[in-house]
Amino acid sequence: MTTIYIIAIIAEAMSGAIMAMRRGMDLFGICLIGIITALGGGTVRDMLLNHYPIGWVKHPEYLLYTSLAAIATTFTVRHLHHLRYVFLVVDGLGLVAFTIIGCNIGLEGGVHISIAIIAGMVTGVFGGLLRDLLCHQMPLVLQKEIYAMVSLAAGAAYVAMLKAGINTGTASVLALAGGVTFRMLAIHFRWQLPSFKNADIRGFD
């Protein structure tokens, strides 16, 4: 899981860097958005759960990994579109891996299982949400992507398996496989939650 986590934060840092470049930010801004995208979800989770030290404070090397990934993106961005599918898979892995890690931290902190699942979702999606807000864009997770639902489903399945007596390793593998499959199917078939346009709420102006 640690290896997947490191791969995931690197991929998320690169996605944040690409967004920052689209917004015309300088190198500092690119690195900052990359770091926030990769580590923001875990930071928010730790603060909400009063879980200290915060992940990147305990492991400052994560700041180095994500900064270098963001910088590398500025030199390789022209070639990254060829790796779009790879990024989608890694992003799916990262989402579910973050979710499982967040659930574990919640459970270790003794919170209710529902809060543990929410902690997993916060870990999975808040980095991207913060990235979009800082880049003045409506967060994708709030408008069309089946992303948070994947996190919630994977987290709920993982916690349910643990409560059923399945060992952590097996539950992690099954939740990871199921969550990534769900995410890939959602992308392939363009599954979306219902959305509501201005025309749907006329008369409330």
Protein backbone atom coordinates (compact mmCIF):
# COMPACT_ATOMS: atom_id res chain seq x y z
CA MET A 1 0.00 0.00 0.00
CA THR A 2 2.89 2.39 0.71
CA THR A 3 4.22 1.98 -2.85
CA ILE A 4 0.78 2.63 -4.32
CA TYR A 5 0.43 5.67 -2.06
CA ILE A 6 3.72 7.17 -3.26
CA ILE A 7 2.81 6.52 -6.90
CA ALA A 8 -0.58 8.11 -6.25
CA ILE A 9 0.74 11.30 -4.65
CA ILE A 10 3.21 11.71 -7.52
CA ALA A 11 0.42 11.30 -10.08
CA GLU A 12 -1.83 13.72 -8.19
CA ALA A 13 1.00 16.25 -7.93
CA MET A 14 1.43 16.05 -11.69
CA SER A 15 -2.30 16.58 -12.27
CA GLY A 16 -2.20 19.61 -9.99
CA ALA A 17 0.83 20.97 -11.83
CA ILE A 18 -0.95 20.65 -15.18
CA MET A 19 -3.93 22.60 -13.84
CA ALA A 20 -1.61 25.31 -12.47
CA MET A 21 0.19 25.58 -15.81
CA ARG A 22 -3.16 26.03 -17.57
CA ARG A 23 -3.80 28.94 -15.22
CA GLY A 24 -0.46 30.54 -16.10
CA MET A 25 1.14 30.18 -12.66
CA ASP A 26 4.86 30.49 -12.05
CA LEU A 27 7.05 27.62 -10.85
CA PHE A 28 6.29 28.28 -7.19
CA GLY A 29 2.57 28.24 -7.87
CA ILE A 30 2.91 25.04 -9.89
CA CYS A 31 4.75 23.31 -7.05
CA LEU A 32 2.29 24.60 -4.45
CA ILE A 33 -0.78 23.42 -6.35
CA GLY A 34 0.90 20.07 -7.01
CA ILE A 35 1.65 19.58 -3.31
CA ILE A 36 -1.85 20.61 -2.23
CA THR A 37 -3.45 18.29 -4.76
CA ALA A 38 -1.38 15.35 -3.59
CA LEU A 39 -1.37 15.94 0.16
CA GLY A 40 -4.36 18.19 0.80
CA GLY A 41 -6.87 15.40 1.40
CA GLY A 42 -4.73 13.73 4.04
CA THR A 43 -4.07 17.08 5.71
CA VAL A 44 -7.76 17.91 5.98
CA ARG A 45 -8.48 14.42 7.32
CA ASP A 46 -5.78 14.63 9.98
CA MET A 47 -7.00 18.03 11.13
CA LEU A 48 -10.62 16.86 11.33
CA LEU A 49 -9.67 13.74 13.28
CA ASN A 50 -7.12 15.51 15.46
CA HIS A 51 -4.56 13.05 14.13
CA TYR A 52 -1.07 14.42 14.63
CA PRO A 53 1.56 14.73 13.38
CA ILE A 54 0.01 15.40 9.98
CA GLY A 55 1.17 12.90 7.36
CA TRP A 56 3.62 15.14 5.49
CA VAL A 57 5.01 16.52 8.76
CA LYS A 58 5.78 12.98 9.89
CA HIS A 59 7.13 12.11 6.43
CA PRO A 60 8.62 15.34 5.00
CA GLU A 61 10.02 13.37 2.09
CA TYR A 62 6.50 13.46 0.63
CA LEU A 63 6.98 17.20 0.07
CA LEU A 64 10.14 16.45 -1.91
CA TYR A 65 8.46 13.74 -4.02
CA THR A 66 5.50 15.92 -4.91
CA SER A 67 7.61 19.04 -5.58
CA LEU A 68 9.91 17.13 -7.92
CA ALA A 69 6.90 15.57 -9.67
CA ALA A 70 5.40 19.02 -10.22
CA ILE A 71 8.67 20.41 -11.56
CA ALA A 72 9.18 17.39 -13.84
CA THR A 73 5.71 17.96 -15.23
CA THR A 74 6.70 21.39 -16.54
CA PHE A 75 9.31 19.73 -18.77
CA THR A 76 7.29 16.70 -19.86
CA VAL A 77 3.74 18.04 -20.14
CA ARG A 78 3.81 17.96 -23.94
CA HIS A 79 4.22 14.20 -23.85
CA LEU A 80 1.80 13.42 -21.02
CA HIS A 81 -1.30 13.30 -23.23
CA HIS A 82 0.05 10.02 -24.62
CA LEU A 83 -0.16 8.60 -21.10
CA ARG A 84 -3.74 9.70 -20.40
CA TYR A 85 -5.07 6.18 -19.84
CA VAL A 86 -2.16 5.37 -17.54
CA PHE A 87 -2.93 8.51 -15.55
CA LEU A 88 -6.59 7.54 -15.25
CA VAL A 89 -5.66 4.12 -13.89
CA VAL A 90 -3.09 5.56 -11.47
CA ASP A 91 -5.58 8.23 -10.40
CA GLY A 92 -8.13 5.49 -9.71
CA LEU A 93 -5.56 3.55 -7.72
CA GLY A 94 -4.67 6.68 -5.81
CA LEU A 95 -8.28 7.51 -5.04
CA VAL A 96 -9.00 4.09 -3.56
CA ALA A 97 -5.60 3.80 -1.85
CA PHE A 98 -6.13 7.21 -0.21
CA THR A 99 -9.61 6.11 0.80
CA ILE A 100 -8.38 2.90 2.44
CA ILE A 101 -5.61 4.75 4.26
CA GLY A 102 -8.10 7.34 5.50
CA CYS A 103 -10.49 4.62 6.70
CA ASN A 104 -7.67 2.92 8.59
CA ILE A 105 -6.63 6.13 10.31
CA GLY A 106 -10.22 6.79 11.29
CA LEU A 107 -10.70 3.30 12.68
CA GLU A 108 -7.39 3.47 14.55
CA GLY A 109 -8.61 6.70 16.12
CA GLY A 110 -11.66 4.93 17.47
CA VAL A 111 -14.27 6.90 15.53
CA HIS A 112 -17.63 5.47 14.45
CA ILE A 113 -17.46 3.41 11.25
CA SER A 114 -19.51 6.02 9.35
CA ILE A 115 -16.96 8.70 10.27
CA ALA A 116 -14.13 6.36 9.25
CA ILE A 117 -15.71 6.00 5.81
CA ILE A 118 -16.11 9.77 5.50
CA ALA A 119 -12.47 10.18 6.58
CA GLY A 120 -11.54 7.88 3.71
CA MET A 121 -13.55 9.94 1.23
CA VAL A 122 -12.03 13.20 2.51
CA THR A 123 -8.56 11.72 2.01
CA GLY A 124 -9.45 10.63 -1.51
CA VAL A 125 -11.19 13.67 -2.94
CA PHE A 126 -10.27 16.83 -1.02
CA GLY A 127 -6.89 17.31 -2.69
CA GLY A 128 -8.55 17.66 -6.09
CA LEU A 129 -11.30 19.81 -4.62
CA LEU A 130 -8.75 22.23 -3.12
CA ARG A 131 -6.82 22.26 -6.41
CA ASP A 132 -9.91 23.28 -8.37
CA LEU A 133 -10.93 25.96 -5.86
CA LEU A 134 -7.46 27.52 -5.83
CA CYS A 135 -7.47 27.50 -9.63
CA HIS A 136 -10.90 29.21 -9.70
CA GLN A 137 -12.67 26.24 -11.24
CA MET A 138 -15.86 24.53 -10.14
CA PRO A 139 -14.60 21.30 -8.53
CA LEU A 140 -15.18 18.35 -10.84
CA VAL A 141 -16.17 16.21 -7.87
CA LEU A 142 -19.16 18.50 -7.31
CA GLN A 143 -20.55 18.68 -10.81
CA LYS A 144 -20.32 15.54 -12.93
CA GLU A 145 -17.64 13.00 -12.10
CA ILE A 146 -18.57 9.79 -10.28
CA TYR A 147 -15.53 10.19 -8.09
CA ALA A 148 -16.63 10.73 -4.51
CA MET A 149 -19.17 7.92 -4.94
CA VAL A 150 -16.35 5.57 -5.89
CA SER A 151 -14.49 6.58 -2.75
CA LEU A 152 -17.55 6.14 -0.53
CA ALA A 153 -18.36 2.75 -2.05
CA ALA A 154 -14.78 1.50 -1.72
CA GLY A 155 -14.51 2.79 1.84
CA ALA A 156 -17.83 1.25 2.87
CA ALA A 157 -16.89 -2.08 1.31
CA TYR A 158 -13.49 -2.04 2.99
CA VAL A 159 -14.87 -1.27 6.45
CA ALA A 160 -17.65 -3.83 6.00
CA MET A 161 -15.10 -6.51 5.15
CA LEU A 162 -13.04 -5.68 8.22
CA LYS A 163 -16.12 -5.87 10.42
CA ALA A 164 -16.95 -9.23 8.84
CA GLY A 165 -13.62 -10.58 10.03
CA ILE A 166 -11.68 -10.44 6.78
CA ASN A 167 -8.02 -9.61 7.39
CA THR A 168 -6.69 -6.18 6.47
CA GLY A 169 -4.52 -7.36 3.57
CA THR A 170 -7.29 -9.25 1.81
CA ALA A 171 -9.82 -6.48 2.44
CA SER A 172 -7.40 -3.89 1.03
CA VAL A 173 -6.80 -5.88 -2.16
CA LEU A 174 -10.50 -6.53 -2.72
CA ALA A 175 -11.50 -2.91 -2.03
CA LEU A 176 -8.70 -1.65 -4.26
CA ALA A 177 -9.67 -3.94 -7.14
CA GLY A 178 -13.37 -3.21 -6.79
CA GLY A 179 -12.93 0.54 -6.44
CA VAL A 180 -10.61 0.88 -9.43
CA THR A 181 -12.92 -1.27 -11.54
CA PHE A 182 -15.88 0.92 -10.56
CA ARG A 183 -13.93 4.05 -11.47
CA MET A 184 -12.81 2.69 -14.85
CA LEU A 185 -16.34 1.56 -15.71
CA ALA A 186 -17.69 4.99 -14.75
CA ILE A 187 -15.18 6.64 -17.11
CA HIS A 188 -15.76 4.18 -19.94
CA PHE A 189 -19.55 4.34 -19.84
CA ARG A 190 -19.64 8.04 -18.85
CA TRP A 191 -21.74 7.40 -15.77
CA GLN A 192 -22.82 10.62 -14.10
CA LEU A 193 -25.02 11.64 -11.20
CA PRO A 194 -28.06 13.82 -12.01
CA SER A 195 -27.16 17.50 -12.36
CA PHE A 196 -29.44 20.53 -12.30
CA LYS A 197 -29.16 23.52 -14.60
CA ASN A 198 -30.54 27.01 -14.06
CA ALA A 199 -33.57 26.07 -16.12
CA ASP A 200 -34.51 23.51 -13.48
CA ILE A 201 -34.87 26.13 -10.74
CA ARG A 202 -36.67 28.99 -12.47
CA GLY A 203 -38.83 30.99 -10.13
CA PHE A 204 -36.31 30.91 -7.27
CA ASP A 205 -34.36 33.94 -8.43
